[in-house]
Protein backbone atom coordinates (compact mmCIF):
# COMPACT_ATOMS: atom_id res chain seq x y z
CA UNK A 1 -140.78 -123.12 -65.32
CA UNK A 2 -138.89 -121.42 -67.73
CA UNK A 3 -139.97 -118.04 -68.93
CA UNK A 4 -141.53 -116.69 -71.97
CA UNK A 5 -139.12 -114.97 -74.12
CA UNK A 6 -139.45 -111.59 -75.83
CA UNK A 7 -137.77 -108.43 -76.85
CA UNK A 8 -138.30 -105.59 -74.71
CA UNK A 9 -138.12 -102.10 -76.44
CA UNK A 10 -139.72 -99.07 -75.42
CA UNK A 11 -141.01 -100.47 -72.38
CA UNK A 12 -143.01 -103.25 -74.52
CA UNK A 13 -142.54 -106.99 -74.37
CA UNK A 14 -142.64 -108.26 -78.00
CA UNK A 15 -143.43 -111.68 -78.53
CA UNK A 16 -142.38 -113.87 -81.58
CA UNK A 17 -145.57 -112.45 -83.80
CA UNK A 18 -143.97 -113.62 -87.31
CA UNK A 19 -140.42 -112.80 -86.35
CA UNK A 20 -137.50 -115.25 -87.46
CA UNK A 21 -136.83 -117.46 -84.15
CA UNK A 22 -134.66 -120.22 -82.95
CA UNK A 23 -134.62 -122.63 -80.05
CA UNK A 24 -133.04 -122.42 -76.94
CA UNK A 25 -131.47 -125.78 -75.92
CA UNK A 26 -130.99 -127.36 -72.42
CA UNK A 27 -127.43 -128.43 -72.49
CA UNK A 28 -127.89 -131.12 -69.73
CA UNK A 29 -130.90 -132.72 -71.70
CA UNK A 30 -130.78 -131.47 -75.56
CA UNK A 31 -134.23 -130.56 -75.39
CA UNK A 32 -135.75 -127.32 -76.24
CA UNK A 33 -136.43 -125.17 -73.75
CA UNK A 34 -138.43 -122.43 -75.50
CA UNK A 35 -138.38 -120.38 -79.06
CA UNK A 36 -136.91 -117.30 -79.25
CA UNK A 37 -137.68 -114.23 -81.09
CA UNK A 38 -134.92 -112.53 -83.38
CA UNK A 39 -135.16 -108.67 -83.56
CA UNK A 40 -136.09 -107.11 -87.16
CA UNK A 41 -134.28 -104.38 -88.81
CA UNK A 42 -137.43 -102.43 -88.04
CA UNK A 43 -137.15 -103.49 -84.12
CA UNK A 44 -133.67 -102.69 -84.08
CA UNK A 45 -134.71 -98.90 -85.27
CA UNK A 46 -137.62 -98.67 -82.82
CA UNK A 47 -134.73 -99.68 -80.32
CA UNK A 48 -132.38 -96.83 -80.88
CA UNK A 49 -135.02 -94.50 -81.25
CA UNK A 50 -136.37 -95.59 -77.87
CA UNK A 51 -132.76 -95.40 -76.12
CA UNK A 52 -132.33 -91.96 -77.69
CA UNK A 53 -135.45 -90.70 -76.16
CA UNK A 54 -134.98 -92.75 -72.79
CA UNK A 55 -131.43 -91.23 -72.96
CA UNK A 56 -132.90 -87.48 -72.73
CA UNK A 57 -135.35 -88.55 -69.81
CA UNK A 58 -132.72 -90.85 -67.62
CA UNK A 59 -129.85 -88.15 -67.85
CA UNK A 60 -132.09 -85.56 -66.49
CA UNK A 61 -133.37 -87.86 -63.63
CA UNK A 62 -130.91 -86.85 -60.66
CA UNK A 63 -128.56 -89.63 -59.29
CA UNK A 64 -130.59 -89.97 -56.25
CA UNK A 65 -133.79 -90.80 -58.02
CA UNK A 66 -131.96 -93.54 -60.45
CA UNK A 67 -130.25 -94.87 -57.41
CA UNK A 68 -133.74 -95.63 -55.98
CA UNK A 69 -134.88 -97.59 -58.97
CA UNK A 70 -131.86 -99.56 -59.51
CA UNK A 71 -131.75 -100.34 -55.75
CA UNK A 72 -135.58 -101.67 -56.11
CA UNK A 73 -134.55 -103.73 -59.22
CA UNK A 74 -131.62 -105.21 -57.18
CA UNK A 75 -134.30 -105.81 -54.51
CA UNK A 76 -136.66 -107.70 -56.94
CA UNK A 77 -133.64 -109.76 -58.32
CA UNK A 78 -133.21 -111.11 -54.71
CA UNK A 79 -136.61 -111.86 -53.99
CA UNK A 80 -136.87 -113.65 -57.25
CA UNK A 81 -133.07 -115.28 -56.90
CA UNK A 82 -134.19 -119.03 -56.75
CA UNK A 83 -136.62 -118.53 -60.00
CA UNK A 84 -133.86 -116.99 -61.90
CA UNK A 85 -131.22 -119.04 -60.71
CA UNK A 86 -133.18 -122.10 -62.24
CA UNK A 87 -133.77 -120.53 -65.64
CA UNK A 88 -130.00 -119.90 -65.61
CA UNK A 89 -129.24 -123.54 -64.95
CA UNK A 90 -131.52 -124.56 -67.32
CA UNK A 91 -130.13 -122.69 -70.11
CA UNK A 92 -126.54 -122.45 -69.37
CA UNK A 93 -125.69 -125.70 -67.36
CA UNK A 94 -123.66 -124.48 -64.63
CA UNK A 95 -124.77 -126.21 -61.31
CA UNK A 96 -127.51 -124.70 -59.27
CA UNK A 97 -125.35 -123.60 -56.37
CA UNK A 98 -123.22 -121.40 -58.90
CA UNK A 99 -126.27 -120.35 -60.57
CA UNK A 100 -127.45 -118.91 -57.16
CA UNK A 101 -124.35 -117.13 -56.32
CA UNK A 102 -124.12 -115.67 -59.74
CA UNK A 103 -127.93 -114.28 -59.36
CA UNK A 104 -126.92 -112.99 -55.87
CA UNK A 105 -123.89 -111.15 -57.32
CA UNK A 106 -125.73 -109.53 -59.98
CA UNK A 107 -127.96 -107.85 -57.61
CA UNK A 108 -124.82 -106.62 -55.53
CA UNK A 109 -123.35 -105.19 -58.68
CA UNK A 110 -126.83 -103.26 -59.53
CA UNK A 111 -127.01 -102.07 -55.79
CA UNK A 112 -123.19 -101.01 -55.69
CA UNK A 113 -123.43 -98.92 -58.99
CA UNK A 114 -126.66 -97.48 -57.67
CA UNK A 115 -124.88 -96.09 -54.70
CA UNK A 116 -121.71 -95.36 -56.60
CA UNK A 117 -123.62 -93.21 -59.26
CA UNK A 118 -124.61 -90.75 -56.37
CA UNK A 119 -120.81 -90.33 -56.08
CA UNK A 120 -119.72 -89.52 -59.56
CA UNK A 121 -117.81 -86.55 -58.50
CA UNK A 122 -115.82 -83.93 -60.07
CA UNK A 123 -113.10 -81.63 -59.17
CA UNK A 124 -112.11 -78.08 -58.59
CA UNK A 125 -108.87 -77.04 -60.06
CA UNK A 126 -107.50 -73.95 -58.55
CA UNK A 127 -107.20 -70.88 -60.99
CA UNK A 128 -104.33 -68.72 -61.92
CA UNK A 129 -106.23 -65.81 -61.72
CA UNK A 130 -108.22 -64.29 -59.13
CA UNK A 131 -112.29 -64.60 -59.47
CA UNK A 132 -112.04 -67.44 -61.87
CA UNK A 133 -113.33 -71.00 -61.36
CA UNK A 134 -111.88 -74.22 -63.02
CA UNK A 135 -114.06 -77.19 -62.94
CA UNK A 136 -114.20 -80.98 -63.98
CA UNK A 137 -117.35 -82.46 -63.89
CA UNK A 138 -118.50 -86.07 -65.31
CA UNK A 139 -121.69 -86.13 -67.84
CA UNK A 140 -123.01 -89.33 -69.52
CA UNK A 141 -121.62 -90.56 -72.60
CA UNK A 142 -124.79 -91.20 -74.24
CA UNK A 143 -126.83 -94.29 -75.36
CA UNK A 144 -125.08 -97.62 -75.36
CA UNK A 145 -124.79 -100.92 -76.97
CA UNK A 146 -123.83 -103.81 -75.04
CA UNK A 147 -123.18 -107.38 -75.92
CA UNK A 148 -122.81 -110.32 -73.51
CA UNK A 149 -122.09 -113.77 -73.83
CA UNK A 150 -123.39 -117.40 -72.58
CA UNK A 151 -121.31 -118.25 -69.90
CA UNK A 152 -122.58 -115.48 -67.06
CA UNK A 153 -126.09 -114.67 -68.28
CA UNK A 154 -127.12 -112.62 -65.58
CA UNK A 155 -123.63 -111.25 -63.94
CA UNK A 156 -122.18 -109.74 -67.20
CA UNK A 157 -125.44 -107.92 -68.26
CA UNK A 158 -125.73 -106.82 -64.71
CA UNK A 159 -122.30 -105.11 -65.03
CA UNK A 160 -122.84 -103.42 -68.36
CA UNK A 161 -126.51 -102.49 -66.99
CA UNK A 162 -125.59 -101.24 -63.79
CA UNK A 163 -122.54 -99.07 -64.93
CA UNK A 164 -124.63 -97.44 -67.88
CA UNK A 165 -127.75 -96.61 -65.56
CA UNK A 166 -125.66 -95.59 -62.91
CA UNK A 167 -123.65 -93.29 -64.96
CA UNK A 168 -126.83 -91.43 -66.55
CA UNK A 169 -126.97 -93.77 -70.02
CA UNK A 170 -129.47 -95.45 -71.72
CA UNK A 171 -128.80 -98.82 -73.06
CA UNK A 172 -129.60 -101.76 -75.75
CA UNK A 173 -128.46 -104.90 -74.59
CA UNK A 174 -128.21 -107.90 -76.87
CA UNK A 175 -127.54 -110.88 -74.64
CA UNK A 176 -126.88 -114.19 -75.86
CA UNK A 177 -129.31 -116.17 -77.76
CA UNK A 178 -127.94 -119.42 -76.28
CA UNK A 179 -128.98 -118.16 -72.65
CA UNK A 180 -131.68 -115.43 -72.88
CA UNK A 181 -134.08 -116.04 -70.34
CA UNK A 182 -131.78 -115.03 -67.56
CA UNK A 183 -131.46 -111.43 -69.01
CA UNK A 184 -135.34 -111.42 -69.84
CA UNK A 185 -135.72 -111.82 -66.18
CA UNK A 186 -133.05 -109.35 -65.19
CA UNK A 187 -134.50 -106.71 -67.54
CA UNK A 188 -138.10 -107.61 -66.21
CA UNK A 189 -136.97 -106.85 -62.74
CA UNK A 190 -136.13 -103.48 -63.96
CA UNK A 191 -139.32 -102.77 -65.86
CA UNK A 192 -141.40 -103.98 -62.54
CA UNK A 193 -139.15 -101.37 -60.57
CA UNK A 194 -140.25 -98.55 -62.41
CA UNK A 195 -137.58 -97.65 -65.02
CA UNK A 196 -138.96 -95.48 -67.22
CA UNK A 197 -139.55 -96.78 -70.96
CA UNK A 198 -136.96 -96.80 -73.39
CA UNK A 199 -133.91 -96.53 -70.86
CA UNK A 200 -133.12 -100.38 -71.18
CA UNK A 201 -134.10 -102.03 -74.07
CA UNK A 202 -133.43 -105.96 -75.18
CA UNK A 203 -132.96 -107.34 -78.22
CA UNK A 204 -131.78 -110.76 -79.76
CA UNK A 205 -130.64 -111.82 -83.09
CA UNK A 206 -127.92 -112.95 -85.56
CA UNK A 207 -124.90 -111.29 -83.92
CA UNK A 208 -123.05 -109.95 -86.73
CA UNK A 209 -126.18 -108.54 -87.93
CA UNK A 210 -127.27 -106.83 -84.78
CA UNK A 211 -123.93 -105.41 -83.92
CA UNK A 212 -123.40 -103.66 -87.40
CA UNK A 213 -126.77 -102.33 -87.45
CA UNK A 214 -126.53 -100.76 -83.52
CA UNK A 215 -122.84 -99.63 -83.74
CA UNK A 216 -123.46 -97.66 -87.23
CA UNK A 217 -126.15 -95.62 -85.38
CA UNK A 218 -125.14 -92.03 -84.69
CA UNK A 219 -127.61 -92.82 -81.78
CA UNK A 220 -124.86 -94.91 -80.25
CA UNK A 221 -121.65 -93.09 -78.30
CA UNK A 222 -120.45 -96.16 -76.29
CA UNK A 223 -119.85 -99.89 -77.30
CA UNK A 224 -119.49 -102.26 -74.43
CA UNK A 225 -118.42 -106.01 -75.43
CA UNK A 226 -117.49 -109.26 -73.42
CA UNK A 227 -116.45 -112.20 -76.07
CA UNK A 228 -113.78 -113.26 -78.03
CA UNK A 229 -110.59 -111.63 -79.22
CA UNK A 230 -111.65 -111.69 -82.91
CA UNK A 231 -115.11 -110.55 -82.56
CA UNK A 232 -113.69 -107.79 -80.23
CA UNK A 233 -111.16 -106.34 -82.73
CA UNK A 234 -113.86 -106.43 -85.24
CA UNK A 235 -116.28 -104.48 -83.13
CA UNK A 236 -113.72 -102.10 -82.30
CA UNK A 237 -112.82 -101.57 -86.19
CA UNK A 238 -116.42 -100.72 -86.53
CA UNK A 239 -116.70 -98.08 -83.50
CA UNK A 240 -113.61 -96.58 -84.93
CA UNK A 241 -115.64 -95.31 -87.92
CA UNK A 242 -117.82 -93.13 -85.59
CA UNK A 243 -114.96 -92.48 -82.84
CA UNK A 244 -117.15 -94.27 -80.43
CA UNK A 245 -116.13 -95.21 -76.94
CA UNK A 246 -115.32 -98.93 -76.05
CA UNK A 247 -115.07 -101.44 -73.19
CA UNK A 248 -113.75 -104.70 -74.60
CA UNK A 249 -113.28 -107.62 -71.94
CA UNK A 250 -112.09 -110.35 -74.36
CA UNK A 251 -110.59 -113.73 -74.01
CA UNK A 252 -107.65 -114.78 -71.55
CA UNK A 253 -105.48 -117.78 -70.80
CA UNK A 254 -104.73 -117.29 -67.28
CA UNK A 255 -101.24 -118.72 -66.30
CA UNK A 256 -100.96 -120.17 -62.42
CA UNK A 257 -97.29 -120.22 -61.13
CA UNK A 258 -97.08 -122.65 -57.85
CA UNK A 259 -93.82 -121.98 -56.21
CA UNK A 260 -91.89 -124.81 -53.93
CA UNK A 261 -92.70 -122.92 -50.96
CA UNK A 262 -96.33 -123.97 -50.53
CA UNK A 263 -98.27 -126.81 -49.40
CA UNK A 264 -99.11 -128.53 -52.85
CA UNK A 265 -102.24 -130.54 -51.83
CA UNK A 266 -103.78 -127.72 -49.98
CA UNK A 267 -103.16 -125.78 -53.20
CA UNK A 268 -104.02 -128.49 -55.56
CA UNK A 269 -107.61 -128.66 -53.93
CA UNK A 270 -107.83 -124.77 -53.99
CA UNK A 271 -106.70 -124.87 -57.83
CA UNK A 272 -109.40 -127.58 -58.41
CA UNK A 273 -112.29 -125.85 -57.36
CA UNK A 274 -111.04 -122.57 -59.31
CA UNK A 275 -110.47 -124.51 -62.52
CA UNK A 276 -113.98 -126.72 -62.77
CA UNK A 277 -116.26 -123.70 -61.50
CA UNK A 278 -118.73 -123.68 -64.27
CA UNK A 279 -116.69 -126.49 -66.25
CA UNK A 280 -114.15 -123.83 -66.94
CA UNK A 281 -116.25 -121.88 -68.97
CA UNK A 282 -115.05 -118.75 -67.11
CA UNK A 283 -112.78 -116.09 -69.13
CA UNK A 284 -110.29 -115.67 -65.88
CA UNK A 285 -110.31 -119.49 -65.28
CA UNK A 286 -106.87 -120.74 -64.37
CA UNK A 287 -105.87 -122.52 -67.58
CA UNK A 288 -101.80 -122.96 -67.79
CA UNK A 289 -100.56 -124.51 -64.72
CA UNK A 290 -96.56 -123.94 -64.00
CA UNK A 291 -95.78 -125.89 -60.68
CA UNK A 292 -92.14 -125.59 -59.25
CA UNK A 293 -90.43 -129.20 -59.99
CA UNK A 294 -89.78 -129.78 -56.34
CA UNK A 295 -93.76 -130.05 -55.49
CA UNK A 296 -94.76 -130.83 -58.90
CA UNK A 297 -95.39 -134.49 -58.51
CA UNK A 298 -97.21 -133.99 -55.45
CA UNK A 299 -99.46 -131.16 -56.95
CA UNK A 300 -100.65 -133.32 -60.03
CA UNK A 301 -101.50 -136.48 -57.80
CA UNK A 302 -103.40 -134.63 -55.46
CA UNK A 303 -104.91 -132.40 -58.41
CA UNK A 304 -105.79 -135.58 -60.47
CA UNK A 305 -107.57 -136.98 -57.74
CA UNK A 306 -109.92 -134.20 -56.57
CA UNK A 307 -110.50 -133.49 -60.35
CA UNK A 308 -111.78 -137.48 -60.61
CA UNK A 309 -113.86 -136.94 -57.87
CA UNK A 310 -116.27 -134.50 -59.12
CA UNK A 311 -119.90 -135.80 -59.66
CA UNK A 312 -120.91 -134.77 -63.24
CA UNK A 313 -124.78 -134.51 -63.96
CA UNK A 314 -127.83 -131.95 -64.43
CA UNK A 315 -126.95 -128.82 -62.86
CA UNK A 316 -130.30 -129.15 -61.05
CA UNK A 317 -129.66 -132.42 -59.62
CA UNK A 318 -128.67 -132.77 -55.71
CA UNK A 319 -125.05 -133.61 -55.44
CA UNK A 320 -123.79 -132.65 -59.02
CA UNK A 321 -120.61 -131.04 -58.75
CA UNK A 322 -120.15 -129.80 -62.15
CA UNK A 323 -122.59 -129.43 -65.13
CA UNK A 324 -122.67 -129.85 -68.99
CA UNK A 325 -120.90 -127.47 -71.25
CA UNK A 326 -122.91 -124.82 -72.66
CA UNK A 327 -123.19 -126.30 -76.17
CA UNK A 328 -121.74 -128.80 -78.55
CA UNK A 329 -119.09 -126.23 -80.15
CA UNK A 330 -117.39 -126.68 -76.56
CA UNK A 331 -117.24 -130.43 -76.67
CA UNK A 332 -115.78 -130.41 -80.15
CA UNK A 333 -113.33 -128.00 -78.99
CA UNK A 334 -112.06 -129.98 -76.19
CA UNK A 335 -111.60 -133.02 -78.28
CA UNK A 336 -109.49 -131.47 -80.46
CA UNK A 337 -107.56 -130.27 -77.39
CA UNK A 338 -107.21 -133.25 -76.13
CA UNK A 339 -106.05 -134.95 -79.37
CA UNK A 340 -103.49 -132.57 -80.11
CA UNK A 341 -101.69 -132.58 -76.56
CA UNK A 342 -101.79 -136.64 -76.99
CA UNK A 343 -100.56 -136.37 -80.58
CA UNK A 344 -97.48 -134.50 -78.98
CA UNK A 345 -96.66 -136.86 -76.23
CA UNK A 346 -98.52 -135.48 -73.32
CA UNK A 347 -100.38 -137.66 -71.03
CA UNK A 348 -103.93 -138.06 -69.46
CA UNK A 349 -103.85 -138.23 -65.86
CA UNK A 350 -107.78 -138.21 -65.62
CA UNK A 351 -110.54 -137.59 -67.92
CA UNK A 352 -109.96 -136.76 -71.62
CA UNK A 353 -113.19 -137.89 -73.07
CA UNK A 354 -116.62 -137.02 -73.33
CA UNK A 355 -119.16 -138.20 -70.61
CA UNK A 356 -122.52 -139.96 -71.12
CA UNK A 357 -124.67 -140.24 -74.18
CA UNK A 358 -127.02 -137.38 -73.63
CA UNK A 359 -126.05 -133.97 -72.97
CA UNK A 360 -122.80 -131.84 -73.21
CA UNK A 361 -120.93 -133.54 -70.90
CA UNK A 362 -116.92 -133.85 -70.76
CA UNK A 363 -114.88 -135.27 -67.91
CA UNK A 364 -112.87 -133.29 -65.88
CA UNK A 365 -109.35 -133.52 -67.32
CA UNK A 366 -106.00 -133.37 -66.25
CA UNK A 367 -102.76 -133.35 -68.91
CA UNK A 368 -99.32 -133.63 -68.00
CA UNK A 369 -96.03 -133.86 -69.80
CA UNK A 370 -97.39 -131.33 -72.36
CA UNK A 371 -95.07 -129.43 -74.42
CA UNK A 372 -95.30 -125.77 -74.67
CA UNK A 373 -96.12 -125.83 -78.47
CA UNK A 374 -99.67 -127.76 -77.87
CA UNK A 375 -102.55 -125.73 -78.85
CA UNK A 376 -103.84 -126.09 -75.35
CA UNK A 377 -100.78 -124.13 -74.02
CA UNK A 378 -101.54 -121.25 -76.82
CA UNK A 379 -105.27 -121.27 -77.15
CA UNK A 380 -108.09 -120.60 -74.77
CA UNK A 381 -109.59 -123.71 -73.96
CA UNK A 382 -112.62 -122.30 -72.01
CA UNK A 383 -113.40 -125.92 -71.02
CA UNK A 384 -112.79 -128.40 -67.89
CA UNK A 385 -109.15 -129.03 -69.18
CA UNK A 386 -106.18 -128.32 -67.02
CA UNK A 387 -102.51 -128.83 -68.40
CA UNK A 388 -100.01 -128.75 -65.67
CA UNK A 389 -96.34 -128.68 -66.40
CA UNK A 390 -93.18 -128.10 -64.14
CA UNK A 391 -90.57 -125.09 -63.99
CA UNK A 392 -87.00 -124.44 -62.65
CA UNK A 393 -86.57 -120.65 -62.01
CA UNK A 394 -88.28 -117.66 -61.42
CA UNK A 395 -87.16 -115.76 -64.59
CA UNK A 396 -88.03 -119.10 -66.72
CA UNK A 397 -91.90 -119.15 -65.38
CA UNK A 398 -92.28 -115.36 -65.85
CA UNK A 399 -91.07 -115.45 -69.57
CA UNK A 400 -93.59 -118.70 -70.09
CA UNK A 401 -96.46 -117.07 -68.00
CA UNK A 402 -95.82 -114.04 -70.42
CA UNK A 403 -95.42 -115.39 -73.48
CA UNK A 404 -99.04 -115.18 -75.11
CA UNK A 405 -101.05 -112.17 -76.30
CA UNK A 406 -103.17 -112.48 -73.64
CA UNK A 407 -103.33 -110.45 -70.69
CA UNK A 408 -106.62 -110.71 -68.49
CA UNK A 409 -105.77 -112.56 -65.42
CA UNK A 410 -102.77 -114.56 -63.85
CA UNK A 411 -102.36 -115.95 -60.47
CA UNK A 412 -99.47 -117.07 -58.32
CA UNK A 413 -99.30 -119.13 -54.89
CA UNK A 414 -96.51 -118.95 -52.46
CA UNK A 415 -95.37 -118.75 -48.92
CA UNK A 416 -93.31 -115.76 -49.33
CA UNK A 417 -94.28 -112.16 -48.90
CA UNK A 418 -91.22 -111.05 -51.12
CA UNK A 419 -91.99 -113.74 -53.94
CA UNK A 420 -95.53 -112.59 -53.89
CA UNK A 421 -94.62 -109.12 -54.47
CA UNK A 422 -92.14 -110.06 -57.35
CA UNK A 423 -94.44 -112.14 -59.17
CA UNK A 424 -97.61 -109.58 -58.75
CA UNK A 425 -95.29 -107.03 -60.54
CA UNK A 426 -93.79 -109.50 -63.30
CA UNK A 427 -96.92 -110.77 -64.36
CA UNK A 428 -98.48 -109.07 -67.34
CA UNK A 429 -102.10 -108.97 -66.88
CA UNK A 430 -104.91 -106.78 -65.84
CA UNK A 431 -106.04 -108.78 -62.55
CA UNK A 432 -103.35 -110.93 -60.57
CA UNK A 433 -104.68 -112.93 -57.58
CA UNK A 434 -101.88 -113.90 -55.13
CA UNK A 435 -103.08 -117.01 -53.07
CA UNK A 436 -106.61 -116.57 -54.35
CA UNK A 437 -108.55 -116.78 -57.49
CA UNK A 438 -111.05 -114.93 -55.98
CA UNK A 439 -110.34 -111.58 -58.23
CA UNK A 440 -113.94 -110.21 -59.14
CA UNK A 441 -116.20 -108.36 -56.77
CA UNK A 442 -118.55 -105.39 -57.85
CA UNK A 443 -116.32 -102.68 -56.18
CA UNK A 444 -113.05 -103.75 -57.79
CA UNK A 445 -112.05 -102.96 -61.40
CA UNK A 446 -112.46 -106.05 -63.73
CA UNK A 447 -110.51 -105.87 -67.03
CA UNK A 448 -107.37 -107.20 -69.16
CA UNK A 449 -104.48 -105.87 -71.31
CA UNK A 450 -102.74 -107.02 -74.50
CA UNK A 451 -105.27 -108.77 -76.55
CA UNK A 452 -107.28 -109.36 -73.67
CA UNK A 453 -109.10 -105.84 -74.15
CA UNK A 454 -109.20 -102.66 -72.52
CA UNK A 455 -111.42 -100.60 -70.14
CA UNK A 456 -112.67 -101.62 -66.89
CA UNK A 457 -116.11 -103.33 -65.70
CA UNK A 458 -116.63 -102.99 -61.60
CA UNK A 459 -115.15 -100.28 -59.30
CA UNK A 460 -115.36 -96.42 -59.92
CA UNK A 461 -113.38 -97.36 -63.19
CA UNK A 462 -116.24 -99.18 -64.48
CA UNK A 463 -118.43 -96.43 -63.58
CA UNK A 464 -116.21 -93.43 -65.45
CA UNK A 465 -116.39 -96.20 -68.46
CA UNK A 466 -119.80 -94.66 -69.07
CA UNK A 467 -119.24 -90.80 -68.54
CA UNK A 468 -117.21 -88.11 -70.36
CA UNK A 469 -115.10 -85.63 -68.51
CA UNK A 470 -115.89 -81.75 -69.31
CA UNK A 471 -113.96 -78.97 -68.42
CA UNK A 472 -115.39 -75.88 -67.32
CA UNK A 473 -113.64 -72.42 -67.29
CA UNK A 474 -115.62 -69.64 -65.52
CA UNK A 475 -114.35 -65.87 -65.51
């Protein structure tokens, strides 16, 4: 059963009731799942007023009592894991096993923030004069406007909700209109856990209208956005007009450097699991494979075999290993990337085309002999396409890996501790995985550099993103 879609403002669920609306589409069947109401300008003003009221109440609530409500919400999410996961798969497409993991990790994130919010410590700074006291304390930054995408429709909202609530902030979250049901269920868990009205508000609508309306308000003091580089830069410019704090988790194009001192077949199997997770629609997905020339052919052979063996289908169907892309835009993008690569002389080792005649399916694709000027090597593909190219030397591959304006994630595989240290230092990225693609947990910082954004989610860094540091000198 797909949930009843509604806005959530000041503790009340608001259905369509004459509001503008849009259909939510199942990407596996292309059939409608439900109708999503859009927030009107008046709704947004109500959400802003609710967030202002909620902030006064929530900031005065002790971290101990905040944590109790957040832990209860996390427990409700765990109890409803299967229901939320099915909703997630229906509207986003990823296989049910991945959806279950995402929902479980979302609960972990909220629980971790609940505990860490109780430890938002300040510090005492020794004074220069006897009888004085110098302190740094952390205070909530204020009401937050948060914007989340469609590729992880519970995990990304959980990061923003968890960090804001643990820091003592209220928030208005605008989740993706293409995957709204998952966030509706997430917010419902907080409402059922007893979160006071106005502390958490959920809206939907035309993204530009909603963001510009919310960011322009003096009530909002912090913006957190996950999405594309162009939109992120636009929102930062809007926020700058009010000197508002921002956290920007933007696009990436993650290089993977595979050195010649590893088992190429085993590494290829690991890489395939990382590459085709959520059909490659992951901001930290491995997207450019640089493989040492001595193991390149063996790596490509096993990688292509494993990719070809992935069973495509509805994410709810038994045996499916990769679901559809989330929307038809991604299908068009994949075809464009592949056509450009072919035009430049690249070879298709497997895949390279749409799959079936219903749903937004694209075959897992491996491309070789691809030149550096191909679009796929310069633009984030955000889909199930894997370009693989050889390299000769350490310095050469570092230059190629760092050549783009992105800096979110990067990976390397080597059997040498010395090489592991050197490549981790050399790669320009906010997160580096050496011999692993597992670089995101609730307790670790998640964020990029260069055009991939600034600030962090997760870890103590993610909590501090929602607090101001105040210095107090007492004589």
